[in-house]
Amino acid sequence: MAPLRCFLQLFSALALTLGPAAGEMRRLLALEAVGKAEELTEELWVASLPGDLPELEPECRRLLVAFAEHSAALTDCLGRRARPVRLCQACHLDYHRLLAQYGNIARAVGNSSESHNCAKSILTSDRLQIVVTLSEFFNETWEAANCANCLKNNSEGLSNSTVEFLDLFNKSLTCFEHNLQTTYLSPNNYTEVCRNCNETYRKLNDLYNSLQRMNRQDGEAGHSAHLCIDVEDAMNITRKLWSRTFNCSVSCSDTVPVIAVSSFILFLPIVFYLSSFLHSKQKKRILILPKRIQSNASLVNIQEKYS
């Protein structure tokens, strides 16, 4: 603290020499002196510490810095790919690097036998447990996005069905864009888009429905019944463009069978009531009395006649 004491004594002597006529100069010098004192105090305080993180050994500090770098890379990727959603296809490498680095911390031990365990020092040495909280946040985000349903079993890349879907999705958008350029004279007329892009859109929609059915079957075995967020968002975008923006209708290849079945169902009540009427109509029956009843009846008539 000797340099600081000498500086303050020099400032006091200079202020007395100037006298009361130089109040403004004394005020400026006082502010400068305070700033110098704060800088010197900070330098002395930093110089007295053994290191930036004295509770961590060099190996543990290296693991923590690496985890921070991977967390920053994954956060940057998630933020950039949030809209339109491309999390699973763009960030899966960053996510698995972060998982690997967290595993390194959980298994790591300092070099010397007397050193603290890096896992204990980094993960559970304080109440907040920042590293654990960050890891849980990334895991929950990844699971909520169902990215495992878009990746191969070993997570090395996208599955074949996802690649096929994204290829059809890109073809659909390209078709939309190409046919929109031909309708610049009538911006509200999307007939060309509906006609020329119908086949591509139908293939994309059929593939998406097929993936949904397959995923529901796998969901019964304990997996998530939802597709990954990349595929769901891509299909939602395409359907909104097709139905709301372009006002196109989905052409059905089974139109004739559907019309035939619908007509048959509508005609069933008529057939039912007509058949009921025909079979329920009773014919007039002629009552044939027996001879004995006829003779008795004629006898009764004769008696009534002569009575």
Foldseek 3Di string as FASTA:
>chain_A
DVVLVVVVVVLVVVVVVVPPVPVVVNVVVVVVNVVVNVVVVVVVVVVVDPDPDVLDDPVLVVLVVQLVVLLVVLVVQCVVCVVVHDNLQGRLVSLVVNVVSVVCQCPAQDDDPPHDRSVCVQQPPDDVRVSVVSNVVSVVVCVVQVSVLQADPVRPHGDPLNVVLVVLLVVLVVLQVVQCVVCPVPNLALPSSQVVNQVSLVVNVVSVVVSLVVLCVVVVVPGDSDHGNNSVSSNVVSVCCQCPVNVHDRDDPCVVVVVVVVVVVVCVVVVVVVVCVVVVDDDDDDDDDDPVVVVVVVVVVVVVVVD
